[in-house]
C-alpha atoms as a PDB file:
ATOM      1  CA  UNK A   1      21.933 -40.626 -27.922  1.00  0.00           C
ATOM      2  CA  UNK A   2      23.491 -38.504 -25.200  1.00  0.00           C
ATOM      3  CA  UNK A   3      21.778 -38.368 -21.812  1.00  0.00           C
ATOM      4  CA  UNK A   4      22.105 -34.581 -21.979  1.00  0.00           C
ATOM      5  CA  UNK A   5      19.681 -32.377 -23.887  1.00  0.00           C
ATOM      6  CA  UNK A   6      22.006 -29.382 -23.438  1.00  0.00           C
ATOM      7  CA  UNK A   7      25.750 -29.238 -22.801  1.00  0.00           C
ATOM      8  CA  UNK A   8      27.684 -25.995 -22.477  1.00  0.00           C
ATOM      9  CA  UNK A   9      31.429 -25.716 -22.063  1.00  0.00           C
ATOM     10  CA  UNK A  10      33.265 -22.505 -21.124  1.00  0.00           C
ATOM     11  CA  UNK A  11      30.779 -20.206 -22.826  1.00  0.00           C
ATOM     12  CA  UNK A  12      31.841 -16.573 -23.041  1.00  0.00           C
ATOM     13  CA  UNK A  13      29.944 -13.667 -24.565  1.00  0.00           C
ATOM     14  CA  UNK A  14      31.380 -10.167 -24.784  1.00  0.00           C
ATOM     15  CA  UNK A  15      29.819  -6.920 -26.001  1.00  0.00           C
ATOM     16  CA  UNK A  16      32.844  -4.705 -26.432  1.00  0.00           C
ATOM     17  CA  UNK A  17      34.365  -4.390 -22.956  1.00  0.00           C
ATOM     18  CA  UNK A  18      31.280  -5.846 -21.273  1.00  0.00           C
ATOM     19  CA  UNK A  19      31.565  -9.544 -20.398  1.00  0.00           C
ATOM     20  CA  UNK A  20      27.920 -10.647 -20.222  1.00  0.00           C
ATOM     21  CA  UNK A  21      28.646 -14.383 -19.849  1.00  0.00           C
ATOM     22  CA  UNK A  22      31.933 -15.442 -18.305  1.00  0.00           C
ATOM     23  CA  UNK A  23      33.173 -19.054 -18.691  1.00  0.00           C
ATOM     24  CA  UNK A  24      29.831 -20.798 -18.117  1.00  0.00           C
ATOM     25  CA  UNK A  25      29.628 -24.615 -18.177  1.00  0.00           C
ATOM     26  CA  UNK A  26      26.707 -26.936 -17.358  1.00  0.00           C
ATOM     27  CA  UNK A  27      24.798 -30.043 -18.509  1.00  0.00           C
ATOM     28  CA  UNK A  28      21.022 -30.518 -18.583  1.00  0.00           C
ATOM     29  CA  UNK A  29      19.569 -34.023 -18.634  1.00  0.00           C
ATOM     30  CA  UNK A  30      16.768 -34.992 -21.000  1.00  0.00           C
ATOM     31  CA  UNK A  31      13.354 -34.439 -19.425  1.00  0.00           C
ATOM     32  CA  UNK A  32      14.743 -32.104 -16.757  1.00  0.00           C
ATOM     33  CA  UNK A  33      13.447 -28.681 -15.718  1.00  0.00           C
ATOM     34  CA  UNK A  34      16.603 -26.632 -15.264  1.00  0.00           C
ATOM     35  CA  UNK A  35      16.601 -23.059 -14.030  1.00  0.00           C
ATOM     36  CA  UNK A  36      18.962 -20.110 -14.228  1.00  0.00           C
ATOM     37  CA  UNK A  37      18.348 -17.978 -11.133  1.00  0.00           C
ATOM     38  CA  UNK A  38      19.770 -14.479 -11.016  1.00  0.00           C
ATOM     39  CA  UNK A  39      19.020 -10.744 -11.166  1.00  0.00           C
ATOM     40  CA  UNK A  40      18.490  -8.684 -14.300  1.00  0.00           C
ATOM     41  CA  UNK A  41      21.809  -8.267 -16.076  1.00  0.00           C
ATOM     42  CA  UNK A  42      23.282 -11.500 -14.664  1.00  0.00           C
ATOM     43  CA  UNK A  43      23.715 -13.140 -18.092  1.00  0.00           C
ATOM     44  CA  UNK A  44      20.599 -15.340 -18.138  1.00  0.00           C
ATOM     45  CA  UNK A  45      19.045 -14.063 -21.365  1.00  0.00           C
ATOM     46  CA  UNK A  46      22.417 -13.812 -23.109  1.00  0.00           C
ATOM     47  CA  UNK A  47      23.068 -17.482 -22.327  1.00  0.00           C
ATOM     48  CA  UNK A  48      19.695 -18.474 -23.764  1.00  0.00           C
ATOM     49  CA  UNK A  49      20.333 -16.367 -26.865  1.00  0.00           C
ATOM     50  CA  UNK A  50      23.550 -18.304 -27.511  1.00  0.00           C
ATOM     51  CA  UNK A  51      21.858 -21.670 -26.972  1.00  0.00           C
ATOM     52  CA  UNK A  52      18.988 -20.854 -29.363  1.00  0.00           C
ATOM     53  CA  UNK A  53      21.473 -19.584 -32.008  1.00  0.00           C
ATOM     54  CA  UNK A  54      20.384 -15.922 -31.862  1.00  0.00           C
ATOM     55  CA  UNK A  55      23.927 -14.982 -30.789  1.00  0.00           C
ATOM     56  CA  UNK A  56      27.261 -16.649 -31.429  1.00  0.00           C
ATOM     57  CA  UNK A  57      29.496 -17.272 -28.409  1.00  0.00           C
ATOM     58  CA  UNK A  58      32.673 -15.223 -28.225  1.00  0.00           C
ATOM     59  CA  UNK A  59      34.345 -18.384 -26.887  1.00  0.00           C
ATOM     60  CA  UNK A  60      33.311 -21.848 -25.835  1.00  0.00           C
ATOM     61  CA  UNK A  61      31.031 -24.525 -27.221  1.00  0.00           C
ATOM     62  CA  UNK A  62      27.443 -25.664 -26.694  1.00  0.00           C
ATOM     63  CA  UNK A  63      25.290 -28.545 -27.913  1.00  0.00           C
ATOM     64  CA  UNK A  64      21.486 -28.558 -27.914  1.00  0.00           C
ATOM     65  CA  UNK A  65      19.628 -31.783 -28.740  1.00  0.00           C
ATOM     66  CA  UNK A  66      22.971 -33.166 -29.892  1.00  0.00           C
ATOM     67  CA  UNK A  67      23.786 -30.373 -32.348  1.00  0.00           C
ATOM     68  CA  UNK A  68      26.483 -27.712 -32.183  1.00  0.00           C
ATOM     69  CA  UNK A  69      24.861 -24.273 -31.843  1.00  0.00           C
ATOM     70  CA  UNK A  70      27.519 -22.609 -34.041  1.00  0.00           C
ATOM     71  CA  UNK A  71      28.154 -25.234 -36.712  1.00  0.00           C
ATOM     72  CA  UNK A  72      24.598 -26.638 -36.932  1.00  0.00           C
ATOM     73  CA  UNK A  73      22.231 -23.777 -36.084  1.00  0.00           C
ATOM     74  CA  UNK A  74      19.470 -24.918 -38.463  1.00  0.00           C
ATOM     75  CA  UNK A  75      19.322 -28.372 -36.871  1.00  0.00           C
ATOM     76  CA  UNK A  76      19.236 -26.792 -33.409  1.00  0.00           C
ATOM     77  CA  UNK A  77      16.292 -24.573 -34.380  1.00  0.00           C
ATOM     78  CA  UNK A  78      14.372 -27.594 -35.658  1.00  0.00           C
ATOM     79  CA  UNK A  79      14.615 -29.203 -32.222  1.00  0.00           C
ATOM     80  CA  UNK A  80      13.774 -26.290 -29.949  1.00  0.00           C
ATOM     81  CA  UNK A  81      10.895 -24.061 -28.939  1.00  0.00           C
ATOM     82  CA  UNK A  82      11.564 -20.597 -27.543  1.00  0.00           C
ATOM     83  CA  UNK A  83       9.495 -18.205 -25.452  1.00  0.00           C
ATOM     84  CA  UNK A  84      11.430 -14.964 -25.217  1.00  0.00           C
ATOM     85  CA  UNK A  85      11.154 -12.534 -22.317  1.00  0.00           C
ATOM     86  CA  UNK A  86       9.287 -10.013 -24.480  1.00  0.00           C
ATOM     87  CA  UNK A  87       6.071 -11.104 -26.187  1.00  0.00           C
ATOM     88  CA  UNK A  88       6.718 -11.633 -29.904  1.00  0.00           C
ATOM     89  CA  UNK A  89       3.231 -12.527 -31.165  1.00  0.00           C
ATOM     90  CA  UNK A  90       1.741 -10.178 -33.771  1.00  0.00           C
ATOM     91  CA  UNK A  91      -0.730  -8.151 -31.740  1.00  0.00           C
ATOM     92  CA  UNK A  92      -2.851  -7.257 -34.773  1.00  0.00           C
ATOM     93  CA  UNK A  93      -3.460 -10.899 -35.688  1.00  0.00           C
ATOM     94  CA  UNK A  94      -5.721 -13.336 -33.879  1.00  0.00           C
ATOM     95  CA  UNK A  95      -4.415 -16.168 -31.737  1.00  0.00           C
ATOM     96  CA  UNK A  96      -5.309 -18.654 -34.472  1.00  0.00           C
ATOM     97  CA  UNK A  97      -3.510 -16.616 -37.136  1.00  0.00           C
ATOM     98  CA  UNK A  98      -0.354 -16.359 -35.036  1.00  0.00           C
ATOM     99  CA  UNK A  99      -0.282 -20.139 -34.608  1.00  0.00           C
ATOM    100  CA  UNK A 100      -0.997 -20.697 -38.303  1.00  0.00           C
ATOM    101  CA  UNK A 101       1.963 -18.561 -39.417  1.00  0.00           C
ATOM    102  CA  UNK A 102       4.267 -20.259 -36.900  1.00  0.00           C
ATOM    103  CA  UNK A 103       3.190 -23.680 -38.185  1.00  0.00           C
ATOM    104  CA  UNK A 104       3.926 -22.697 -41.784  1.00  0.00           C
ATOM    105  CA  UNK A 105       7.410 -21.562 -40.797  1.00  0.00           C
ATOM    106  CA  UNK A 106       8.091 -25.043 -39.406  1.00  0.00           C
ATOM    107  CA  UNK A 107       6.768 -26.813 -42.495  1.00  0.00           C
ATOM    108  CA  UNK A 108       3.371 -27.846 -41.164  1.00  0.00           C
ATOM    109  CA  UNK A 109       0.443 -27.781 -43.578  1.00  0.00           C
ATOM    110  CA  UNK A 110      -3.020 -29.075 -44.340  1.00  0.00           C
ATOM    111  CA  UNK A 111      -4.975 -31.065 -41.788  1.00  0.00           C
ATOM    112  CA  UNK A 112      -1.855 -31.660 -39.686  1.00  0.00           C
ATOM    113  CA  UNK A 113      -1.365 -27.916 -39.265  1.00  0.00           C
ATOM    114  CA  UNK A 114      -5.023 -27.381 -38.343  1.00  0.00           C
ATOM    115  CA  UNK A 115      -4.937 -30.248 -35.839  1.00  0.00           C
ATOM    116  CA  UNK A 116      -1.861 -28.865 -34.124  1.00  0.00           C
ATOM    117  CA  UNK A 117      -3.374 -25.381 -33.951  1.00  0.00           C
ATOM    118  CA  UNK A 118      -6.496 -26.761 -32.297  1.00  0.00           C
ATOM    119  CA  UNK A 119      -4.404 -28.838 -29.885  1.00  0.00           C
ATOM    120  CA  UNK A 120      -2.271 -25.809 -29.010  1.00  0.00           C
ATOM    121  CA  UNK A 121      -5.325 -23.627 -28.393  1.00  0.00           C
ATOM    122  CA  UNK A 122      -6.907 -26.288 -26.207  1.00  0.00           C
ATOM    123  CA  UNK A 123      -3.703 -26.752 -24.235  1.00  0.00           C
ATOM    124  CA  UNK A 124      -3.484 -23.000 -23.587  1.00  0.00           C
ATOM    125  CA  UNK A 125      -7.229 -22.776 -22.798  1.00  0.00           C
ATOM    126  CA  UNK A 126      -7.614 -20.215 -25.579  1.00  0.00           C
ATOM    127  CA  UNK A 127      -9.997 -22.025 -27.938  1.00  0.00           C
ATOM    128  CA  UNK A 128     -12.881 -19.610 -27.350  1.00  0.00           C
ATOM    129  CA  UNK A 129     -10.508 -16.662 -27.884  1.00  0.00           C
ATOM    130  CA  UNK A 130      -8.906 -18.001 -31.077  1.00  0.00           C
ATOM    131  CA  UNK A 131     -10.509 -15.328 -33.308  1.00  0.00           C
ATOM    132  CA  UNK A 132      -9.790 -12.434 -30.953  1.00  0.00           C
ATOM    133  CA  UNK A 133      -6.878 -10.110 -31.907  1.00  0.00           C
ATOM    134  CA  UNK A 134      -3.925 -10.668 -29.596  1.00  0.00           C
ATOM    135  CA  UNK A 135      -3.879  -6.955 -28.693  1.00  0.00           C
ATOM    136  CA  UNK A 136      -7.046  -7.670 -26.712  1.00  0.00           C
ATOM    137  CA  UNK A 137      -5.488 -10.545 -24.734  1.00  0.00           C
ATOM    138  CA  UNK A 138      -4.485 -10.169 -21.102  1.00  0.00           C
ATOM    139  CA  UNK A 139      -0.812 -10.610 -20.144  1.00  0.00           C
ATOM    140  CA  UNK A 140      -1.465 -14.161 -18.995  1.00  0.00           C
ATOM    141  CA  UNK A 141      -3.317 -15.078 -22.202  1.00  0.00           C
ATOM    142  CA  UNK A 142      -0.440 -13.721 -24.296  1.00  0.00           C
ATOM    143  CA  UNK A 143       2.050 -15.768 -22.306  1.00  0.00           C
ATOM    144  CA  UNK A 144      -0.020 -18.939 -22.708  1.00  0.00           C
ATOM    145  CA  UNK A 145      -0.268 -18.295 -26.452  1.00  0.00           C
ATOM    146  CA  UNK A 146       3.518 -17.833 -26.673  1.00  0.00           C
ATOM    147  CA  UNK A 147       4.118 -21.155 -24.891  1.00  0.00           C
ATOM    148  CA  UNK A 148       1.526 -22.973 -27.014  1.00  0.00           C
ATOM    149  CA  UNK A 149       3.064 -21.564 -30.187  1.00  0.00           C
ATOM    150  CA  UNK A 150       6.545 -22.723 -29.163  1.00  0.00           C
ATOM    151  CA  UNK A 151       5.205 -26.280 -28.747  1.00  0.00           C
ATOM    152  CA  UNK A 152       3.433 -26.630 -32.103  1.00  0.00           C
ATOM    153  CA  UNK A 153       6.314 -28.412 -33.842  1.00  0.00           C
ATOM    154  CA  UNK A 154       6.905 -30.823 -30.903  1.00  0.00           C
ATOM    155  CA  UNK A 155      10.343 -29.542 -29.816  1.00  0.00           C
ATOM    156  CA  UNK A 156      12.713 -31.665 -27.757  1.00  0.00           C
ATOM    157  CA  UNK A 157      13.870 -28.654 -25.739  1.00  0.00           C
ATOM    158  CA  UNK A 158      11.798 -25.657 -24.646  1.00  0.00           C
ATOM    159  CA  UNK A 159      13.484 -22.402 -23.606  1.00  0.00           C
ATOM    160  CA  UNK A 160      11.491 -20.082 -21.332  1.00  0.00           C
ATOM    161  CA  UNK A 161      13.071 -16.707 -20.624  1.00  0.00           C
ATOM    162  CA  UNK A 162      11.415 -15.193 -17.528  1.00  0.00           C
ATOM    163  CA  UNK A 163       8.099 -16.922 -18.349  1.00  0.00           C
ATOM    164  CA  UNK A 164       6.028 -15.187 -15.653  1.00  0.00           C
ATOM    165  CA  UNK A 165       7.615 -11.752 -15.474  1.00  0.00           C
ATOM    166  CA  UNK A 166       5.052  -9.026 -14.906  1.00  0.00           C
ATOM    167  CA  UNK A 167       2.174 -11.439 -14.287  1.00  0.00           C
ATOM    168  CA  UNK A 168      -0.106 -11.434 -11.245  1.00  0.00           C
ATOM    169  CA  UNK A 169       0.251 -14.296  -8.710  1.00  0.00           C
ATOM    170  CA  UNK A 170      -2.819 -16.181  -9.937  1.00  0.00           C
ATOM    171  CA  UNK A 171      -1.654 -16.121 -13.565  1.00  0.00           C
ATOM    172  CA  UNK A 172       1.879 -17.088 -12.524  1.00  0.00           C
ATOM    173  CA  UNK A 173       0.483 -20.146 -10.749  1.00  0.00           C
ATOM    174  CA  UNK A 174      -1.415 -21.086 -13.921  1.00  0.00           C
ATOM    175  CA  UNK A 175       1.744 -20.846 -16.035  1.00  0.00           C
ATOM    176  CA  UNK A 176       3.497 -23.066 -13.478  1.00  0.00           C
ATOM    177  CA  UNK A 177       0.780 -25.681 -14.048  1.00  0.00           C
ATOM    178  CA  UNK A 178       1.457 -25.604 -17.803  1.00  0.00           C
ATOM    179  CA  UNK A 179       5.186 -26.048 -17.271  1.00  0.00           C
ATOM    180  CA  UNK A 180       4.681 -29.044 -14.972  1.00  0.00           C
ATOM    181  CA  UNK A 181       2.190 -30.535 -17.434  1.00  0.00           C
ATOM    182  CA  UNK A 182       4.679 -30.191 -20.294  1.00  0.00           C
ATOM    183  CA  UNK A 183       7.335 -32.176 -18.526  1.00  0.00           C
ATOM    184  CA  UNK A 184       4.870 -34.829 -17.348  1.00  0.00           C
ATOM    185  CA  UNK A 185       2.880 -35.354 -20.547  1.00  0.00           C
ATOM    186  CA  UNK A 186       5.307 -34.361 -23.306  1.00  0.00           C
ATOM    187  CA  UNK A 187       8.675 -35.257 -21.711  1.00  0.00           C
ATOM    188  CA  UNK A 188      10.031 -31.924 -22.913  1.00  0.00           C
ATOM    189  CA  UNK A 189      13.342 -30.709 -21.508  1.00  0.00           C
ATOM    190  CA  UNK A 190      12.816 -27.207 -20.139  1.00  0.00           C
ATOM    191  CA  UNK A 191      15.484 -24.552 -19.649  1.00  0.00           C
ATOM    192  CA  UNK A 192      14.042 -21.518 -17.896  1.00  0.00           C
ATOM    193  CA  UNK A 193      15.423 -18.305 -16.496  1.00  0.00           C
ATOM    194  CA  UNK A 194      13.917 -16.464 -13.552  1.00  0.00           C
ATOM    195  CA  UNK A 195      14.670 -14.001 -10.796  1.00  0.00           C
ATOM    196  CA  UNK A 196      11.795 -15.302  -8.660  1.00  0.00           C
ATOM    197  CA  UNK A 197      13.012 -17.517  -5.812  1.00  0.00           C
ATOM    198  CA  UNK A 198       9.689 -19.317  -5.386  1.00  0.00           C
ATOM    199  CA  UNK A 199       9.487 -20.066  -9.094  1.00  0.00           C
ATOM    200  CA  UNK A 200      12.916 -21.691  -9.158  1.00  0.00           C
ATOM    201  CA  UNK A 201      12.248 -23.617  -5.954  1.00  0.00           C
ATOM    202  CA  UNK A 202       8.829 -24.980  -6.932  1.00  0.00           C
ATOM    203  CA  UNK A 203       9.457 -25.779 -10.595  1.00  0.00           C
ATOM    204  CA  UNK A 204      13.090 -26.715 -11.142  1.00  0.00           C
ATOM    205  CA  UNK A 205      14.751 -30.093 -10.678  1.00  0.00           C
ATOM    206  CA  UNK A 206      18.079 -28.262 -10.573  1.00  0.00           C
ATOM    207  CA  UNK A 207      19.049 -24.618 -10.355  1.00  0.00           C
ATOM    208  CA  UNK A 208      22.170 -22.720 -11.395  1.00  0.00           C
ATOM    209  CA  UNK A 209      22.743 -19.472  -9.509  1.00  0.00           C
ATOM    210  CA  UNK A 210      24.247 -16.965 -11.936  1.00  0.00           C
ATOM    211  CA  UNK A 211      25.571 -13.507 -11.105  1.00  0.00           C
ATOM    212  CA  UNK A 212      27.730 -11.104 -13.120  1.00  0.00           C
ATOM    213  CA  UNK A 213      27.919 -13.674 -15.925  1.00  0.00           C
ATOM    214  CA  UNK A 214      29.306 -16.489 -13.756  1.00  0.00           C
ATOM    215  CA  UNK A 215      27.673 -19.618 -12.365  1.00  0.00           C
ATOM    216  CA  UNK A 216      28.166 -19.535  -8.617  1.00  0.00           C
ATOM    217  CA  UNK A 217      26.503 -22.854  -7.695  1.00  0.00           C
ATOM    218  CA  UNK A 218      24.473 -25.682  -9.264  1.00  0.00           C
ATOM    219  CA  UNK A 219      22.248 -28.258  -7.606  1.00  0.00           C
ATOM    220  CA  UNK A 220      18.704 -29.150  -6.695  1.00  0.00           C
ATOM    221  CA  UNK A 221      16.945 -26.546  -4.519  1.00  0.00           C
ATOM    222  CA  UNK A 222      17.230 -28.893  -1.534  1.00  0.00           C
ATOM    223  CA  UNK A 223      20.931 -29.557  -2.170  1.00  0.00           C
ATOM    224  CA  UNK A 224      21.684 -25.854  -2.419  1.00  0.00           C
ATOM    225  CA  UNK A 225      19.774 -25.048   0.759  1.00  0.00           C
ATOM    226  CA  UNK A 226      21.309 -27.912   2.726  1.00  0.00           C
ATOM    227  CA  UNK A 227      24.795 -26.708   1.737  1.00  0.00           C
ATOM    228  CA  UNK A 228      24.339 -23.761   4.110  1.00  0.00           C
ATOM    229  CA  UNK A 229      23.743 -25.823   7.239  1.00  0.00           C
ATOM    230  CA  UNK A 230      20.691 -26.095   9.452  1.00  0.00           C
ATOM    231  CA  UNK A 231      19.370 -22.555  10.076  1.00  0.00           C
ATOM    232  CA  UNK A 232      20.044 -18.955   9.079  1.00  0.00           C
ATOM    233  CA  UNK A 233      20.295 -16.194  11.695  1.00  0.00           C
ATOM    234  CA  UNK A 234      19.998 -12.552  10.628  1.00  0.00           C
ATOM    235  CA  UNK A 235      21.427  -9.996  13.046  1.00  0.00           C
ATOM    236  CA  UNK A 236      20.912  -6.264  12.507  1.00  0.00           C
ATOM    237  CA  UNK A 237      23.734  -4.523  14.331  1.00  0.00           C
ATOM    238  CA  UNK A 238      24.967  -1.059  15.231  1.00  0.00           C
ATOM    239  CA  UNK A 239      28.733  -0.585  15.367  1.00  0.00           C
ATOM    240  CA  UNK A 240      31.912   0.168  13.409  1.00  0.00           C
ATOM    241  CA  UNK A 241      32.433  -1.967  10.313  1.00  0.00           C
ATOM    242  CA  UNK A 242      35.803  -3.329  11.457  1.00  0.00           C
ATOM    243  CA  UNK A 243      34.388  -4.214  14.872  1.00  0.00           C
ATOM    244  CA  UNK A 244      31.385  -5.949  13.314  1.00  0.00           C
ATOM    245  CA  UNK A 245      33.671  -8.026  11.115  1.00  0.00           C
ATOM    246  CA  UNK A 246      35.860  -9.004  14.098  1.00  0.00           C
ATOM    247  CA  UNK A 247      32.698  -9.960  15.995  1.00  0.00           C
ATOM    248  CA  UNK A 248      31.469 -12.113  13.079  1.00  0.00           C
ATOM    249  CA  UNK A 249      34.886 -13.749  12.722  1.00  0.00           C
ATOM    250  CA  UNK A 250      34.819 -14.620  16.419  1.00  0.00           C
ATOM    251  CA  UNK A 251      31.342 -16.169  16.129  1.00  0.00           C
ATOM    252  CA  UNK A 252      32.684 -18.517  13.446  1.00  0.00           C
ATOM    253  CA  UNK A 253      36.006 -19.223  15.199  1.00  0.00           C
ATOM    254  CA  UNK A 254      34.106 -20.214  18.367  1.00  0.00           C
ATOM    255  CA  UNK A 255      32.136 -22.733  16.244  1.00  0.00           C
ATOM    256  CA  UNK A 256      28.887 -20.938  16.994  1.00  0.00           C
ATOM    257  CA  UNK A 257      28.278 -20.448  13.260  1.00  0.00           C
ATOM    258  CA  UNK A 258      29.479 -22.234  10.149  1.00  0.00           C
ATOM    259  CA  UNK A 259      29.900 -19.074   8.061  1.00  0.00           C
ATOM    260  CA  UNK A 260      28.657 -15.501   7.704  1.00  0.00           C
ATOM    261  CA  UNK A 261      27.991 -12.716   5.214  1.00  0.00           C
ATOM    262  CA  UNK A 262      27.761  -8.999   5.969  1.00  0.00           C
ATOM    263  CA  UNK A 263      25.311  -6.923   3.913  1.00  0.00           C
ATOM    264  CA  UNK A 264      25.042  -3.325   5.100  1.00  0.00           C
ATOM    265  CA  UNK A 265      24.139  -3.361   8.779  1.00  0.00           C
ATOM    266  CA  UNK A 266      23.003  -6.986   8.701  1.00  0.00           C
ATOM    267  CA  UNK A 267      25.094 -10.068   9.445  1.00  0.00           C
ATOM    268  CA  UNK A 268      23.745 -13.396   8.147  1.00  0.00           C
ATOM    269  CA  UNK A 269      25.054 -16.426  10.035  1.00  0.00           C
ATOM    270  CA  UNK A 270      24.689 -20.025   8.872  1.00  0.00           C
ATOM    271  CA  UNK A 271      24.333 -22.269  11.948  1.00  0.00           C
ATOM    272  CA  UNK A 272      23.370 -25.828  12.818  1.00  0.00           C
ATOM    273  CA  UNK A 273      20.860 -24.936  15.529  1.00  0.00           C
ATOM    274  CA  UNK A 274      19.563 -21.378  15.879  1.00  0.00           C
ATOM    275  CA  UNK A 275      18.166 -21.926  19.384  1.00  0.00           C
ATOM    276  CA  UNK A 276      21.639 -22.771  20.707  1.00  0.00           C
ATOM    277  CA  UNK A 277      23.528 -20.148  18.703  1.00  0.00           C
ATOM    278  CA  UNK A 278      21.418 -17.055  19.433  1.00  0.00           C
ATOM    279  CA  UNK A 279      22.295 -16.708  23.170  1.00  0.00           C
ATOM    280  CA  UNK A 280      25.994 -17.145  22.368  1.00  0.00           C
ATOM    281  CA  UNK A 281      25.810 -14.510  19.642  1.00  0.00           C
ATOM    282  CA  UNK A 282      24.322 -12.048  22.154  1.00  0.00           C
ATOM    283  CA  UNK A 283      27.162 -12.786  24.592  1.00  0.00           C
ATOM    284  CA  UNK A 284      29.851 -12.120  21.989  1.00  0.00           C
ATOM    285  CA  UNK A 285      28.075  -8.981  20.781  1.00  0.00           C
ATOM    286  CA  UNK A 286      28.243  -7.607  24.343  1.00  0.00           C
ATOM    287  CA  UNK A 287      31.944  -8.432  24.520  1.00  0.00           C
ATOM    288  CA  UNK A 288      32.563  -6.397  21.338  1.00  0.00           C
ATOM    289  CA  UNK A 289      30.252  -3.563  22.489  1.00  0.00           C
ATOM    290  CA  UNK A 290      27.997  -4.167  19.501  1.00  0.00           C
ATOM    291  CA  UNK A 291      24.324  -3.350  19.890  1.00  0.00           C
ATOM    292  CA  UNK A 292      21.930  -5.874  18.356  1.00  0.00           C
ATOM    293  CA  UNK A 293      18.902  -3.973  17.076  1.00  0.00           C
ATOM    294  CA  UNK A 294      17.074  -6.948  15.616  1.00  0.00           C
ATOM    295  CA  UNK A 295      17.573 -10.696  15.308  1.00  0.00           C
ATOM    296  CA  UNK A 296      15.580 -13.379  13.508  1.00  0.00           C
ATOM    297  CA  UNK A 297      16.143 -16.848  12.161  1.00  0.00           C
ATOM    298  CA  UNK A 298      14.757 -19.092   9.429  1.00  0.00           C
ATOM    299  CA  UNK A 299      15.531 -22.338   7.721  1.00  0.00           C
ATOM    300  CA  UNK A 300      17.642 -21.739   4.587  1.00  0.00           C
ATOM    301  CA  UNK A 301      15.873 -20.579   1.422  1.00  0.00           C
ATOM    302  CA  UNK A 302      17.176 -20.073  -2.090  1.00  0.00           C
ATOM    303  CA  UNK A 303      17.429 -16.397  -1.164  1.00  0.00           C
ATOM    304  CA  UNK A 304      19.857 -17.353   1.589  1.00  0.00           C
ATOM    305  CA  UNK A 305      21.795 -19.481  -0.899  1.00  0.00           C
ATOM    306  CA  UNK A 306      22.026 -16.537  -3.307  1.00  0.00           C
ATOM    307  CA  UNK A 307      23.218 -14.283  -0.501  1.00  0.00           C
ATOM    308  CA  UNK A 308      25.797 -16.851   0.581  1.00  0.00           C
ATOM    309  CA  UNK A 309      27.332 -17.306  -2.875  1.00  0.00           C
ATOM    310  CA  UNK A 310      27.111 -13.723  -4.128  1.00  0.00           C
ATOM    311  CA  UNK A 311      27.316 -11.630  -0.968  1.00  0.00           C
ATOM    312  CA  UNK A 312      24.162  -9.706  -1.855  1.00  0.00           C
ATOM    313  CA  UNK A 313      20.415 -10.129  -1.984  1.00  0.00           C
ATOM    314  CA  UNK A 314      18.492 -10.870  -5.163  1.00  0.00           C
ATOM    315  CA  UNK A 315      16.233  -7.965  -6.006  1.00  0.00           C
ATOM    316  CA  UNK A 316      14.428  -7.041  -9.196  1.00  0.00           C
ATOM    317  CA  UNK A 317      16.182  -3.721  -9.483  1.00  0.00           C
ATOM    318  CA  UNK A 318      19.680  -5.218  -9.370  1.00  0.00           C
ATOM    319  CA  UNK A 319      21.749  -5.505 -12.512  1.00  0.00           C
ATOM    320  CA  UNK A 320      22.710  -2.883 -15.029  1.00  0.00           C
ATOM    321  CA  UNK A 321      19.745  -1.533 -16.976  1.00  0.00           C
ATOM    322  CA  UNK A 322      22.058  -0.282 -19.712  1.00  0.00           C
ATOM    323  CA  UNK A 323      23.799  -3.645 -20.000  1.00  0.00           C
ATOM    324  CA  UNK A 324      20.490  -5.482 -20.209  1.00  0.00           C
ATOM    325  CA  UNK A 325      19.094  -3.160 -22.892  1.00  0.00           C
ATOM    326  CA  UNK A 326      22.342  -3.362 -24.841  1.00  0.00           C
ATOM    327  CA  UNK A 327      22.134  -7.158 -24.933  1.00  0.00           C
ATOM    328  CA  UNK A 328      18.494  -7.038 -26.027  1.00  0.00           C
ATOM    329  CA  UNK A 329      19.252  -4.596 -28.854  1.00  0.00           C
ATOM    330  CA  UNK A 330      22.039  -6.835 -30.169  1.00  0.00           C
ATOM    331  CA  UNK A 331      19.756  -9.872 -30.025  1.00  0.00           C
ATOM    332  CA  UNK A 332      16.951  -8.145 -31.899  1.00  0.00           C
ATOM    333  CA  UNK A 333      19.350  -6.846 -34.551  1.00  0.00           C
ATOM    334  CA  UNK A 334      20.582 -10.394 -35.171  1.00  0.00           C
ATOM    335  CA  UNK A 335      17.023 -11.743 -35.392  1.00  0.00           C
ATOM    336  CA  UNK A 336      16.207  -9.255 -38.156  1.00  0.00           C
ATOM    337  CA  UNK A 337      19.125 -10.392 -40.330  1.00  0.00           C
END
């Protein structure tokens, strides 16, 4: 048995002229929580759709639980559980009925099916709501039901696409507890996508930063943060663009900073020690006649890592809305076939 629950090699997915996933490769160890971190439209959901056999790759190869996603899609589906970004439970049925139908689809029946339904409801803390129509569930209850349903057939790999999107902080924290419990008690390999920095940092053993369909960096949250150096200094400046760039180049060439990124009127410097670097940055700014309007420093975060590798900040509104909706429409069309 391979040590990897998922292996992807040079995956490409195109929709006409749009390249949604561009030469993506990675391995996920068994029992690992692995996260794809990136904005909407980065290629996260499209990658999951290929791995769960909803879409076929344009190029490349992937194995899930030891099976080829193109040549052995039925075997892959037997080994996985999937919680899609959009809720897919039948809102007119009760929680119990939704679980019952899902169990039948996976060949469960009789007392075994009933036992697994009860276990799933207990796990999701929905036992007392089992006879309530799902349309009357809160967003958090629906999400817990979706996760419980995906676990009914004891999958080896669980895919969670934006598992806490749209949920309030308290409910998000509860979903995080379920995810940690799954890995601890069930030894399930979890592949999740998110655009929440704190979610990736607190839950994932390793994170892949993905942007515009490409993986920019992979590592544990600590490894990714330590790759930037000791501290991050953010300098809001006023001056001509060319002058600001010359100033930033000089800060690096004088070994005051390890590297920098310019985003609008802000320059982000990666430094070893902020307390030593800040006075020197002020001195050079004066030499270049650049006015510093604001300066602050922090220890590196995953947000800093994303900025470093992509040259922009991760915000919910980023990404192409049209591209994202196009990918979703294709996925849904394939699911109906």
